[in-house]
Amino acid sequence: MALKFKLKSREEVPADLASFYVERDGAFVLDAEGAVGKAKPDEFRTNNVTLQKQLADLSARFAGIEPDQVKALMAEKRKLEEEKLLHGSPHPGPLPGAEREKIEKTSRIASRA
């Protein structure tokens, strides 16, 4: 016969096992070291499922984005903006293709975050 962890009343406790049950919160629970009710593991499980979903959502949102690259691009963008503010446009004409692409990429990455 398997022992039940939680019983509703003293009458449900088998007489020969009464010394193994204690009253807690209006019910009789098996006094076993390390035993916990079903509610606590269910709470942890629900919380873990929620956290896993959040992690999957964020991983999908930021897939392909390397934090170090973003930091470097943002620093370069700030530097270019400071140069533009201090000295006017650093280039007399339109930006060369490589620099324009770099700035556009930085803006796209920054807008995703």
PDB file of N, CA and C in Angstrom:
ATOM      1  N   MET A   1       0.844  -1.176   0.000  1.00  0.00           N
ATOM      2  CA  MET A   1       0.000   0.000   0.000  1.00  0.00           C
ATOM      3  C   MET A   1       0.889   1.240   0.000  1.00  0.00           C
ATOM      4  N   ALA A   2       0.646   2.140  -0.937  1.00  0.00           N
ATOM      5  CA  ALA A   2       1.402   3.389  -1.025  1.00  0.00           C
ATOM      6  C   ALA A   2       0.834   4.395  -0.025  1.00  0.00           C
ATOM      7  N   LEU A   3       1.718   5.144   0.576  1.00  0.00           N
ATOM      8  CA  LEU A   3       1.294   6.170   1.532  1.00  0.00           C
ATOM      9  C   LEU A   3       0.890   7.429   0.774  1.00  0.00           C
ATOM     10  N   LYS A   4      -0.194   8.029   1.185  1.00  0.00           N
ATOM     11  CA  LYS A   4      -0.616   9.297   0.611  1.00  0.00           C
ATOM     12  C   LYS A   4       0.114  10.412   1.337  1.00  0.00           C
ATOM     13  N   PHE A   5       0.504  11.425   0.571  1.00  0.00           N
ATOM     14  CA  PHE A   5       1.245  12.537   1.156  1.00  0.00           C
ATOM     15  C   PHE A   5       0.352  13.435   1.991  1.00  0.00           C
ATOM     16  N   LYS A   6      -0.869  13.695   1.514  1.00  0.00           N
ATOM     17  CA  LYS A   6      -1.746  14.641   2.191  1.00  0.00           C
ATOM     18  C   LYS A   6      -3.137  14.043   2.344  1.00  0.00           C
ATOM     19  N   LEU A   7      -3.658  14.119   3.557  1.00  0.00           N
ATOM     20  CA  LEU A   7      -5.009  13.638   3.853  1.00  0.00           C
ATOM     21  C   LEU A   7      -5.819  14.786   4.436  1.00  0.00           C
ATOM     22  N   LYS A   8      -7.130  14.776   4.174  1.00  0.00           N
ATOM     23  CA  LYS A   8      -7.973  15.897   4.588  1.00  0.00           C
ATOM     24  C   LYS A   8      -8.311  15.898   6.075  1.00  0.00           C
ATOM     25  N   SER A   9      -8.453  14.716   6.663  1.00  0.00           N
ATOM     26  CA  SER A   9      -8.868  14.673   8.069  1.00  0.00           C
ATOM     27  C   SER A   9      -8.110  13.570   8.821  1.00  0.00           C
ATOM     28  N   ARG A  10      -8.166  13.638  10.137  1.00  0.00           N
ATOM     29  CA  ARG A  10      -7.501  12.659  10.983  1.00  0.00           C
ATOM     30  C   ARG A  10      -8.096  11.256  10.768  1.00  0.00           C
ATOM     31  N   GLU A  11      -9.376  11.191  10.447  1.00  0.00           N
ATOM     32  CA  GLU A  11     -10.038   9.903  10.243  1.00  0.00           C
ATOM     33  C   GLU A  11      -9.469   9.143   9.050  1.00  0.00           C
ATOM     34  N   GLU A  12      -8.934   9.863   8.074  1.00  0.00           N
ATOM     35  CA  GLU A  12      -8.356   9.216   6.890  1.00  0.00           C
ATOM     36  C   GLU A  12      -6.980   8.628   7.169  1.00  0.00           C
ATOM     37  N   VAL A  13      -6.341   9.071   8.250  1.00  0.00           N
ATOM     38  CA  VAL A  13      -4.997   8.588   8.589  1.00  0.00           C
ATOM     39  C   VAL A  13      -5.110   7.180   9.173  1.00  0.00           C
ATOM     40  N   PRO A  14      -4.425   6.183   8.593  1.00  0.00           N
ATOM     41  CA  PRO A  14      -4.451   4.837   9.163  1.00  0.00           C
ATOM     42  C   PRO A  14      -3.903   4.859  10.596  1.00  0.00           C
ATOM     43  N   ALA A  15      -4.558   4.157  11.497  1.00  0.00           N
ATOM     44  CA  ALA A  15      -4.196   4.187  12.924  1.00  0.00           C
ATOM     45  C   ALA A  15      -2.750   3.774  13.152  1.00  0.00           C
ATOM     46  N   ASP A  16      -2.299   2.745  12.459  1.00  0.00           N
ATOM     47  CA  ASP A  16      -0.931   2.276  12.672  1.00  0.00           C
ATOM     48  C   ASP A  16       0.126   3.221  12.077  1.00  0.00           C
ATOM     49  N   LEU A  17      -0.285   4.212  11.249  1.00  0.00           N
ATOM     50  CA  LEU A  17       0.646   5.175  10.643  1.00  0.00           C
ATOM     51  C   LEU A  17       0.458   6.591  11.176  1.00  0.00           C
ATOM     52  N   ALA A  18      -0.381   6.757  12.177  1.00  0.00           N
ATOM     53  CA  ALA A  18      -0.697   8.093  12.697  1.00  0.00           C
ATOM     54  C   ALA A  18       0.542   8.853  13.149  1.00  0.00           C
ATOM     55  N   SER A  19       1.551   8.152  13.639  1.00  0.00           N
ATOM     56  CA  SER A  19       2.753   8.837  14.128  1.00  0.00           C
ATOM     57  C   SER A  19       3.581   9.437  12.987  1.00  0.00           C
ATOM     58  N   PHE A  20       3.289   9.033  11.750  1.00  0.00           N
ATOM     59  CA  PHE A  20       4.030   9.552  10.603  1.00  0.00           C
ATOM     60  C   PHE A  20       3.361  10.767   9.949  1.00  0.00           C
ATOM     61  N   TYR A  21       2.189  11.153  10.438  1.00  0.00           N
ATOM     62  CA  TYR A  21       1.456  12.278   9.873  1.00  0.00           C
ATOM     63  C   TYR A  21       1.380  13.421  10.884  1.00  0.00           C
ATOM     64  N   VAL A  22       1.495  14.645  10.378  1.00  0.00           N
ATOM     65  CA  VAL A  22       1.371  15.833  11.227  1.00  0.00           C
ATOM     66  C   VAL A  22       0.330  16.771  10.604  1.00  0.00           C
ATOM     67  N   GLU A  23      -0.290  17.566  11.466  1.00  0.00           N
ATOM     68  CA  GLU A  23      -1.305  18.495  10.981  1.00  0.00           C
ATOM     69  C   GLU A  23      -0.637  19.794  10.542  1.00  0.00           C
ATOM     70  N   ARG A  24      -0.930  20.209   9.296  1.00  0.00           N
ATOM     71  CA  ARG A  24      -0.422  21.475   8.760  1.00  0.00           C
ATOM     72  C   ARG A  24      -1.500  22.095   7.893  1.00  0.00           C
ATOM     73  N   ASP A  25      -1.810  23.342   8.169  1.00  0.00           N
ATOM     74  CA  ASP A  25      -2.780  24.093   7.363  1.00  0.00           C
ATOM     75  C   ASP A  25      -4.111  23.364   7.217  1.00  0.00           C
ATOM     76  N   GLY A  26      -4.587  22.757   8.293  1.00  0.00           N
ATOM     77  CA  GLY A  26      -5.899  22.117   8.291  1.00  0.00           C
ATOM     78  C   GLY A  26      -5.938  20.748   7.626  1.00  0.00           C
ATOM     79  N   ALA A  27      -4.781  20.208   7.247  1.00  0.00           N
ATOM     80  CA  ALA A  27      -4.722  18.878   6.636  1.00  0.00           C
ATOM     81  C   ALA A  27      -3.639  18.076   7.344  1.00  0.00           C
ATOM     82  N   PHE A  28      -3.625  16.785   7.086  1.00  0.00           N
ATOM     83  CA  PHE A  28      -2.611  15.916   7.677  1.00  0.00           C
ATOM     84  C   PHE A  28      -1.661  15.483   6.575  1.00  0.00           C
ATOM     85  N   VAL A  29      -0.369  15.811   6.762  1.00  0.00           N
ATOM     86  CA  VAL A  29       0.637  15.507   5.747  1.00  0.00           C
ATOM     87  C   VAL A  29       1.664  14.539   6.299  1.00  0.00           C
ATOM     88  N   LEU A  30       2.199  13.742   5.396  1.00  0.00           N
ATOM     89  CA  LEU A  30       3.237  12.791   5.758  1.00  0.00           C
ATOM     90  C   LEU A  30       4.474  13.560   6.192  1.00  0.00           C
ATOM     91  N   ASP A  31       4.974  13.256   7.370  1.00  0.00           N
ATOM     92  CA  ASP A  31       6.134  13.954   7.913  1.00  0.00           C
ATOM     93  C   ASP A  31       7.398  13.253   7.416  1.00  0.00           C
ATOM     94  N   ALA A  32       7.755  13.552   6.171  1.00  0.00           N
ATOM     95  CA  ALA A  32       8.932  12.932   5.562  1.00  0.00           C
ATOM     96  C   ALA A  32       9.919  14.027   5.181  1.00  0.00           C
ATOM     97  N   GLU A  33      11.177  13.795   5.454  1.00  0.00           N
ATOM     98  CA  GLU A  33      12.213  14.775   5.165  1.00  0.00           C
ATOM     99  C   GLU A  33      12.331  14.988   3.661  1.00  0.00           C
ATOM    100  N   GLY A  34      12.292  16.249   3.252  1.00  0.00           N
ATOM    101  CA  GLY A  34      12.450  16.594   1.844  1.00  0.00           C
ATOM    102  C   GLY A  34      11.181  16.505   1.018  1.00  0.00           C
ATOM    103  N   ALA A  35      10.103  16.004   1.580  1.00  0.00           N
ATOM    104  CA  ALA A  35       8.856  15.881   0.826  1.00  0.00           C
ATOM    105  C   ALA A  35       8.149  17.234   0.764  1.00  0.00           C
ATOM    106  N   VAL A  36       7.652  17.558  -0.405  1.00  0.00           N
ATOM    107  CA  VAL A  36       6.898  18.798  -0.583  1.00  0.00           C
ATOM    108  C   VAL A  36       5.595  18.476  -1.292  1.00  0.00           C
ATOM    109  N   GLY A  37       4.638  19.338  -1.123  1.00  0.00           N
ATOM    110  CA  GLY A  37       3.353  19.150  -1.791  1.00  0.00           C
ATOM    111  C   GLY A  37       3.476  19.351  -3.293  1.00  0.00           C
ATOM    112  N   LYS A  38       2.447  19.032  -4.003  1.00  0.00           N
ATOM    113  CA  LYS A  38       2.434  19.122  -5.464  1.00  0.00           C
ATOM    114  C   LYS A  38       2.421  20.569  -5.952  1.00  0.00           C
ATOM    115  N   ALA A  39       1.920  21.481  -5.166  1.00  0.00           N
ATOM    116  CA  ALA A  39       1.767  22.871  -5.600  1.00  0.00           C
ATOM    117  C   ALA A  39       3.119  23.532  -5.896  1.00  0.00           C
ATOM    118  N   LYS A  40       4.119  23.306  -5.065  1.00  0.00           N
ATOM    119  CA  LYS A  40       5.415  23.969  -5.252  1.00  0.00           C
ATOM    120  C   LYS A  40       6.098  23.522  -6.546  1.00  0.00           C
ATOM    121  N   PRO A  41       6.212  22.209  -6.822  1.00  0.00           N
ATOM    122  CA  PRO A  41       6.811  21.819  -8.110  1.00  0.00           C
ATOM    123  C   PRO A  41       6.006  22.319  -9.310  1.00  0.00           C
ATOM    124  N   ASP A  42       4.673  22.355  -9.176  1.00  0.00           N
ATOM    125  CA  ASP A  42       3.849  22.882 -10.269  1.00  0.00           C
ATOM    126  C   ASP A  42       4.149  24.356 -10.518  1.00  0.00           C
ATOM    127  N   GLU A  43       4.349  25.107  -9.439  1.00  0.00           N
ATOM    128  CA  GLU A  43       4.686  26.529  -9.564  1.00  0.00           C
ATOM    129  C   GLU A  43       6.026  26.694 -10.287  1.00  0.00           C
ATOM    130  N   PHE A  44       7.026  25.891  -9.905  1.00  0.00           N
ATOM    131  CA  PHE A  44       8.332  25.948 -10.557  1.00  0.00           C
ATOM    132  C   PHE A  44       8.226  25.561 -12.033  1.00  0.00           C
ATOM    133  N   ARG A  45       7.451  24.537 -12.316  1.00  0.00           N
ATOM    134  CA  ARG A  45       7.288  24.075 -13.694  1.00  0.00           C
ATOM    135  C   ARG A  45       6.647  25.173 -14.554  1.00  0.00           C
ATOM    136  N   THR A  46       5.601  25.796 -14.039  1.00  0.00           N
ATOM    137  CA  THR A  46       4.929  26.870 -14.770  1.00  0.00           C
ATOM    138  C   THR A  46       5.884  28.032 -15.018  1.00  0.00           C
ATOM    139  N   ASN A  47       6.641  28.390 -13.993  1.00  0.00           N
ATOM    140  CA  ASN A  47       7.609  29.475 -14.122  1.00  0.00           C
ATOM    141  C   ASN A  47       8.681  29.116 -15.154  1.00  0.00           C
ATOM    142  N   ASN A  48       9.161  27.871 -15.144  1.00  0.00           N
ATOM    143  CA  ASN A  48      10.180  27.448 -16.110  1.00  0.00           C
ATOM    144  C   ASN A  48       9.653  27.499 -17.534  1.00  0.00           C
ATOM    145  N   VAL A  49       8.420  27.079 -17.736  1.00  0.00           N
ATOM    146  CA  VAL A  49       7.820  27.114 -19.070  1.00  0.00           C
ATOM    147  C   VAL A  49       7.742  28.563 -19.555  1.00  0.00           C
ATOM    148  N   THR A  50       7.322  29.473 -18.679  1.00  0.00           N
ATOM    149  CA  THR A  50       7.236  30.888 -19.033  1.00  0.00           C
ATOM    150  C   THR A  50       8.612  31.441 -19.397  1.00  0.00           C
ATOM    151  N   LEU A  51       9.612  31.121 -18.582  1.00  0.00           N
ATOM    152  CA  LEU A  51      10.967  31.613 -18.844  1.00  0.00           C
ATOM    153  C   LEU A  51      11.537  31.041 -20.143  1.00  0.00           C
ATOM    154  N   GLN A  52      11.270  29.772 -20.419  1.00  0.00           N
ATOM    155  CA  GLN A  52      11.745  29.163 -21.664  1.00  0.00           C
ATOM    156  C   GLN A  52      11.109  29.832 -22.876  1.00  0.00           C
ATOM    157  N   LYS A  53       9.831  30.179 -22.774  1.00  0.00           N
ATOM    158  CA  LYS A  53       9.150  30.860 -23.875  1.00  0.00           C
ATOM    159  C   LYS A  53       9.755  32.248 -24.100  1.00  0.00           C
ATOM    160  N   GLN A  54      10.014  32.974 -23.005  1.00  0.00           N
ATOM    161  CA  GLN A  54      10.624  34.291 -23.124  1.00  0.00           C
ATOM    162  C   GLN A  54      12.008  34.191 -23.765  1.00  0.00           C
ATOM    163  N   LEU A  55      12.779  33.188 -23.358  1.00  0.00           N
ATOM    164  CA  LEU A  55      14.112  32.993 -23.917  1.00  0.00           C
ATOM    165  C   LEU A  55      14.035  32.688 -25.411  1.00  0.00           C
ATOM    166  N   ALA A  56      13.109  31.829 -25.804  1.00  0.00           N
ATOM    167  CA  ALA A  56      12.949  31.488 -27.221  1.00  0.00           C
ATOM    168  C   ALA A  56      12.556  32.724 -28.024  1.00  0.00           C
ATOM    169  N   ASP A  57      11.637  33.544 -27.490  1.00  0.00           N
ATOM    170  CA  ASP A  57      11.208  34.762 -28.177  1.00  0.00           C
ATOM    171  C   ASP A  57      12.374  35.732 -28.365  1.00  0.00           C
ATOM    172  N   LEU A  58      13.153  35.932 -27.294  1.00  0.00           N
ATOM    173  CA  LEU A  58      14.286  36.859 -27.381  1.00  0.00           C
ATOM    174  C   LEU A  58      15.384  36.306 -28.289  1.00  0.00           C
ATOM    175  N   SER A  59      15.600  34.999 -28.241  1.00  0.00           N
ATOM    176  CA  SER A  59      16.610  34.392 -29.108  1.00  0.00           C
ATOM    177  C   SER A  59      16.234  34.559 -30.571  1.00  0.00           C
ATOM    178  N   ALA A  60      14.955  34.396 -30.878  1.00  0.00           N
ATOM    179  CA  ALA A  60      14.497  34.573 -32.254  1.00  0.00           C
ATOM    180  C   ALA A  60      14.617  36.043 -32.670  1.00  0.00           C
ATOM    181  N   ARG A  61      14.273  36.936 -31.763  1.00  0.00           N
ATOM    182  CA  ARG A  61      14.317  38.366 -32.070  1.00  0.00           C
ATOM    183  C   ARG A  61      15.740  38.838 -32.369  1.00  0.00           C
ATOM    184  N   PHE A  62      16.709  38.336 -31.624  1.00  0.00           N
ATOM    185  CA  PHE A  62      18.089  38.796 -31.763  1.00  0.00           C
ATOM    186  C   PHE A  62      18.992  37.789 -32.468  1.00  0.00           C
ATOM    187  N   ALA A  63      18.409  36.858 -33.216  1.00  0.00           N
ATOM    188  CA  ALA A  63      19.203  35.869 -33.954  1.00  0.00           C
ATOM    189  C   ALA A  63      20.089  36.586 -34.965  1.00  0.00           C
ATOM    190  N   GLY A  64      21.340  36.200 -35.010  1.00  0.00           N
ATOM    191  CA  GLY A  64      22.265  36.775 -35.977  1.00  0.00           C
ATOM    192  C   GLY A  64      22.896  38.081 -35.550  1.00  0.00           C
ATOM    193  N   ILE A  65      22.507  38.597 -34.405  1.00  0.00           N
ATOM    194  CA  ILE A  65      23.086  39.853 -33.920  1.00  0.00           C
ATOM    195  C   ILE A  65      24.178  39.524 -32.918  1.00  0.00           C
ATOM    196  N   GLU A  66      25.364  40.029 -33.193  1.00  0.00           N
ATOM    197  CA  GLU A  66      26.501  39.816 -32.304  1.00  0.00           C
ATOM    198  C   GLU A  66      26.672  41.068 -31.437  1.00  0.00           C
ATOM    199  N   PRO A  67      26.540  40.927 -30.116  1.00  0.00           N
ATOM    200  CA  PRO A  67      26.626  42.099 -29.230  1.00  0.00           C
ATOM    201  C   PRO A  67      27.911  42.902 -29.401  1.00  0.00           C
ATOM    202  N   ASP A  68      29.041  42.228 -29.581  1.00  0.00           N
ATOM    203  CA  ASP A  68      30.306  42.955 -29.725  1.00  0.00           C
ATOM    204  C   ASP A  68      30.322  43.799 -31.008  1.00  0.00           C
ATOM    205  N   GLN A  69      29.747  43.242 -32.094  1.00  0.00           N
ATOM    206  CA  GLN A  69      29.679  43.992 -33.335  1.00  0.00           C
ATOM    207  C   GLN A  69      28.764  45.214 -33.187  1.00  0.00           C
ATOM    208  N   VAL A  70      27.649  45.017 -32.510  1.00  0.00           N
ATOM    209  CA  VAL A  70      26.716  46.130 -32.305  1.00  0.00           C
ATOM    210  C   VAL A  70      27.385  47.232 -31.496  1.00  0.00           C
ATOM    211  N   LYS A  71      28.097  46.855 -30.440  1.00  0.00           N
ATOM    212  CA  LYS A  71      28.792  47.859 -29.629  1.00  0.00           C
ATOM    213  C   LYS A  71      29.814  48.621 -30.462  1.00  0.00           C
ATOM    214  N   ALA A  72      30.571  47.889 -31.279  1.00  0.00           N
ATOM    215  CA  ALA A  72      31.581  48.540 -32.115  1.00  0.00           C
ATOM    216  C   ALA A  72      30.924  49.472 -33.127  1.00  0.00           C
ATOM    217  N   LEU A  73      29.850  49.021 -33.752  1.00  0.00           N
ATOM    218  CA  LEU A  73      29.158  49.853 -34.727  1.00  0.00           C
ATOM    219  C   LEU A  73      28.532  51.086 -34.081  1.00  0.00           C
ATOM    220  N   MET A  74      27.969  50.917 -32.892  1.00  0.00           N
ATOM    221  CA  MET A  74      27.373  52.060 -32.195  1.00  0.00           C
ATOM    222  C   MET A  74      28.454  53.070 -31.806  1.00  0.00           C
ATOM    223  N   ALA A  75      29.613  52.582 -31.360  1.00  0.00           N
ATOM    224  CA  ALA A  75      30.711  53.482 -31.007  1.00  0.00           C
ATOM    225  C   ALA A  75      31.182  54.246 -32.247  1.00  0.00           C
ATOM    226  N   GLU A  76      31.276  53.551 -33.369  1.00  0.00           N
ATOM    227  CA  GLU A  76      31.691  54.203 -34.608  1.00  0.00           C
ATOM    228  C   GLU A  76      30.650  55.224 -35.056  1.00  0.00           C
ATOM    229  N   LYS A  77      29.382  54.884 -34.913  1.00  0.00           N
ATOM    230  CA  LYS A  77      28.312  55.810 -35.280  1.00  0.00           C
ATOM    231  C   LYS A  77      28.382  57.074 -34.421  1.00  0.00           C
ATOM    232  N   ARG A  78      28.584  56.887 -33.102  1.00  0.00           N
ATOM    233  CA  ARG A  78      28.708  58.048 -32.206  1.00  0.00           C
ATOM    234  C   ARG A  78      29.898  58.922 -32.621  1.00  0.00           C
ATOM    235  N   LYS A  79      30.992  58.253 -32.935  1.00  0.00           N
ATOM    236  CA  LYS A  79      32.188  58.993 -33.344  1.00  0.00           C
ATOM    237  C   LYS A  79      31.912  59.811 -34.605  1.00  0.00           C
ATOM    238  N   LEU A  80      31.256  59.191 -35.587  1.00  0.00           N
ATOM    239  CA  LEU A  80      30.931  59.898 -36.826  1.00  0.00           C
ATOM    240  C   LEU A  80      29.967  61.053 -36.568  1.00  0.00           C
ATOM    241  N   GLU A  81      28.989  60.839 -35.687  1.00  0.00           N
ATOM    242  CA  GLU A  81      28.044  61.907 -35.366  1.00  0.00           C
ATOM    243  C   GLU A  81      28.735  63.058 -34.648  1.00  0.00           C
ATOM    244  N   GLU A  82      29.671  62.724 -33.731  1.00  0.00           N
ATOM    245  CA  GLU A  82      30.420  63.780 -33.031  1.00  0.00           C
ATOM    246  C   GLU A  82      31.270  64.575 -34.007  1.00  0.00           C
ATOM    247  N   GLU A  83      31.931  63.885 -34.936  1.00  0.00           N
ATOM    248  CA  GLU A  83      32.747  64.572 -35.936  1.00  0.00           C
ATOM    249  C   GLU A  83      31.888  65.508 -36.778  1.00  0.00           C
ATOM    250  N   LYS A  84      30.716  65.027 -37.129  1.00  0.00           N
ATOM    251  CA  LYS A  84      29.810  65.836 -37.948  1.00  0.00           C
ATOM    252  C   LYS A  84      29.377  67.075 -37.170  1.00  0.00           C
ATOM    253  N   LEU A  85      29.079  66.916 -35.866  1.00  0.00           N
ATOM    254  CA  LEU A  85      28.665  68.064 -35.048  1.00  0.00           C
ATOM    255  C   LEU A  85      29.808  69.058 -34.849  1.00  0.00           C
ATOM    256  N   LEU A  86      31.018  68.540 -34.601  1.00  0.00           N
ATOM    257  CA  LEU A  86      32.155  69.411 -34.322  1.00  0.00           C
ATOM    258  C   LEU A  86      32.705  70.097 -35.575  1.00  0.00           C
ATOM    259  N   HIS A  87      32.802  69.347 -36.643  1.00  0.00           N
ATOM    260  CA  HIS A  87      33.490  69.861 -37.831  1.00  0.00           C
ATOM    261  C   HIS A  87      32.595  69.964 -39.054  1.00  0.00           C
ATOM    262  N   GLY A  88      31.349  69.796 -38.876  1.00  0.00           N
ATOM    263  CA  GLY A  88      30.491  69.736 -40.052  1.00  0.00           C
ATOM    264  C   GLY A  88      30.672  68.371 -40.687  1.00  0.00           C
ATOM    265  N   SER A  89      30.206  68.182 -41.848  1.00  0.00           N
ATOM    266  CA  SER A  89      30.333  66.888 -42.512  1.00  0.00           C
ATOM    267  C   SER A  89      31.804  66.571 -42.761  1.00  0.00           C
ATOM    268  N   PRO A  90      32.294  65.395 -42.362  1.00  0.00           N
ATOM    269  CA  PRO A  90      33.703  65.073 -42.569  1.00  0.00           C
ATOM    270  C   PRO A  90      34.028  64.845 -44.041  1.00  0.00           C
ATOM    271  N   HIS A  91      33.021  64.721 -44.879  1.00  0.00           N
ATOM    272  CA  HIS A  91      33.246  64.484 -46.302  1.00  0.00           C
ATOM    273  C   HIS A  91      32.588  65.614 -47.091  1.00  0.00           C
ATOM    274  N   PRO A  92      33.296  66.155 -48.049  1.00  0.00           N
ATOM    275  CA  PRO A  92      32.722  67.267 -48.805  1.00  0.00           C
ATOM    276  C   PRO A  92      31.531  66.842 -49.675  1.00  0.00           C
ATOM    277  N   GLY A  93      31.501  65.616 -50.102  1.00  0.00           N
ATOM    278  CA  GLY A  93      30.433  65.153 -50.974  1.00  0.00           C
ATOM    279  C   GLY A  93      29.692  63.998 -50.318  1.00  0.00           C
ATOM    280  N   PRO A  94      29.018  63.219 -51.140  1.00  0.00           N
ATOM    281  CA  PRO A  94      28.309  62.068 -50.586  1.00  0.00           C
ATOM    282  C   PRO A  94      29.289  61.071 -49.967  1.00  0.00           C
ATOM    283  N   LEU A  95      28.810  60.311 -48.991  1.00  0.00           N
ATOM    284  CA  LEU A  95      29.660  59.320 -48.320  1.00  0.00           C
ATOM    285  C   LEU A  95      30.053  58.220 -49.291  1.00  0.00           C
ATOM    286  N   PRO A  96      31.282  57.748 -49.199  1.00  0.00           N
ATOM    287  CA  PRO A  96      31.672  56.599 -50.012  1.00  0.00           C
ATOM    288  C   PRO A  96      30.787  55.395 -49.661  1.00  0.00           C
ATOM    289  N   GLY A  97      30.652  54.473 -50.583  1.00  0.00           N
ATOM    290  CA  GLY A  97      29.736  53.338 -50.428  1.00  0.00           C
ATOM    291  C   GLY A  97      29.951  52.536 -49.160  1.00  0.00           C
ATOM    292  N   ALA A  98      31.186  52.224 -48.810  1.00  0.00           N
ATOM    293  CA  ALA A  98      31.459  51.384 -47.647  1.00  0.00           C
ATOM    294  C   ALA A  98      31.021  52.073 -46.357  1.00  0.00           C
ATOM    295  N   GLU A  99      31.297  53.371 -46.231  1.00  0.00           N
ATOM    296  CA  GLU A  99      30.912  54.088 -45.021  1.00  0.00           C
ATOM    297  C   GLU A  99      29.399  54.238 -44.927  1.00  0.00           C
ATOM    298  N   ARG A 100      28.750  54.502 -46.060  1.00  0.00           N
ATOM    299  CA  ARG A 100      27.301  54.629 -46.083  1.00  0.00           C
ATOM    300  C   ARG A 100      26.644  53.312 -45.661  1.00  0.00           C
ATOM    301  N   GLU A 101      27.163  52.195 -46.177  1.00  0.00           N
ATOM    302  CA  GLU A 101      26.623  50.880 -45.801  1.00  0.00           C
ATOM    303  C   GLU A 101      26.806  50.612 -44.308  1.00  0.00           C
ATOM    304  N   LYS A 102      27.942  50.986 -43.786  1.00  0.00           N
ATOM    305  CA  LYS A 102      28.226  50.775 -42.366  1.00  0.00           C
ATOM    306  C   LYS A 102      27.239  51.553 -41.494  1.00  0.00           C
ATOM    307  N   ILE A 103      26.986  52.800 -41.857  1.00  0.00           N
ATOM    308  CA  ILE A 103      26.057  53.642 -41.097  1.00  0.00           C
ATOM    309  C   ILE A 103      24.636  53.100 -41.214  1.00  0.00           C
ATOM    310  N   GLU A 104      24.240  52.693 -42.423  1.00  0.00           N
ATOM    311  CA  GLU A 104      22.899  52.128 -42.598  1.00  0.00           C
ATOM    312  C   GLU A 104      22.726  50.846 -41.795  1.00  0.00           C
ATOM    313  N   LYS A 105      23.751  50.003 -41.793  1.00  0.00           N
ATOM    314  CA  LYS A 105      23.700  48.748 -41.027  1.00  0.00           C
ATOM    315  C   LYS A 105      23.585  49.033 -39.540  1.00  0.00           C
ATOM    316  N   THR A 106      24.354  50.017 -39.059  1.00  0.00           N
ATOM    317  CA  THR A 106      24.281  50.395 -37.649  1.00  0.00           C
ATOM    318  C   THR A 106      22.892  50.871 -37.292  1.00  0.00           C
ATOM    319  N   SER A 107      22.294  51.663 -38.151  1.00  0.00           N
ATOM    320  CA  SER A 107      20.939  52.175 -37.886  1.00  0.00           C
ATOM    321  C   SER A 107      19.923  51.040 -37.856  1.00  0.00           C
ATOM    322  N   ARG A 108      20.045  50.100 -38.795  1.00  0.00           N
ATOM    323  CA  ARG A 108      19.104  48.968 -38.820  1.00  0.00           C
ATOM    324  C   ARG A 108      19.241  48.120 -37.556  1.00  0.00           C
ATOM    325  N   ILE A 109      20.470  47.839 -37.149  1.00  0.00           N
ATOM    326  CA  ILE A 109      20.693  47.032 -35.947  1.00  0.00           C
ATOM    327  C   ILE A 109      20.183  47.766 -34.725  1.00  0.00           C
ATOM    328  N   ALA A 110      20.446  49.049 -34.626  1.00  0.00           N
ATOM    329  CA  ALA A 110      20.006  49.832 -33.468  1.00  0.00           C
ATOM    330  C   ALA A 110      18.486  49.869 -33.388  1.00  0.00           C
ATOM    331  N   SER A 111      17.814  49.907 -34.547  1.00  0.00           N
ATOM    332  CA  SER A 111      16.355  49.969 -34.511  1.00  0.00           C
ATOM    333  C   SER A 111      15.726  48.643 -34.104  1.00  0.00           C
ATOM    334  N   ARG A 112      16.436  47.530 -34.264  1.00  0.00           N
ATOM    335  CA  ARG A 112      15.930  46.211 -33.844  1.00  0.00           C
ATOM    336  C   ARG A 112      15.971  46.050 -32.324  1.00  0.00           C
ATOM    337  N   ALA A 113      16.920  46.659 -31.683  1.00  0.00           N
ATOM    338  CA  ALA A 113      17.110  46.479 -30.228  1.00  0.00           C
ATOM    339  C   ALA A 113      16.097  47.193 -29.421  1.00  0.00           C
TER     340      ALA A 113
END
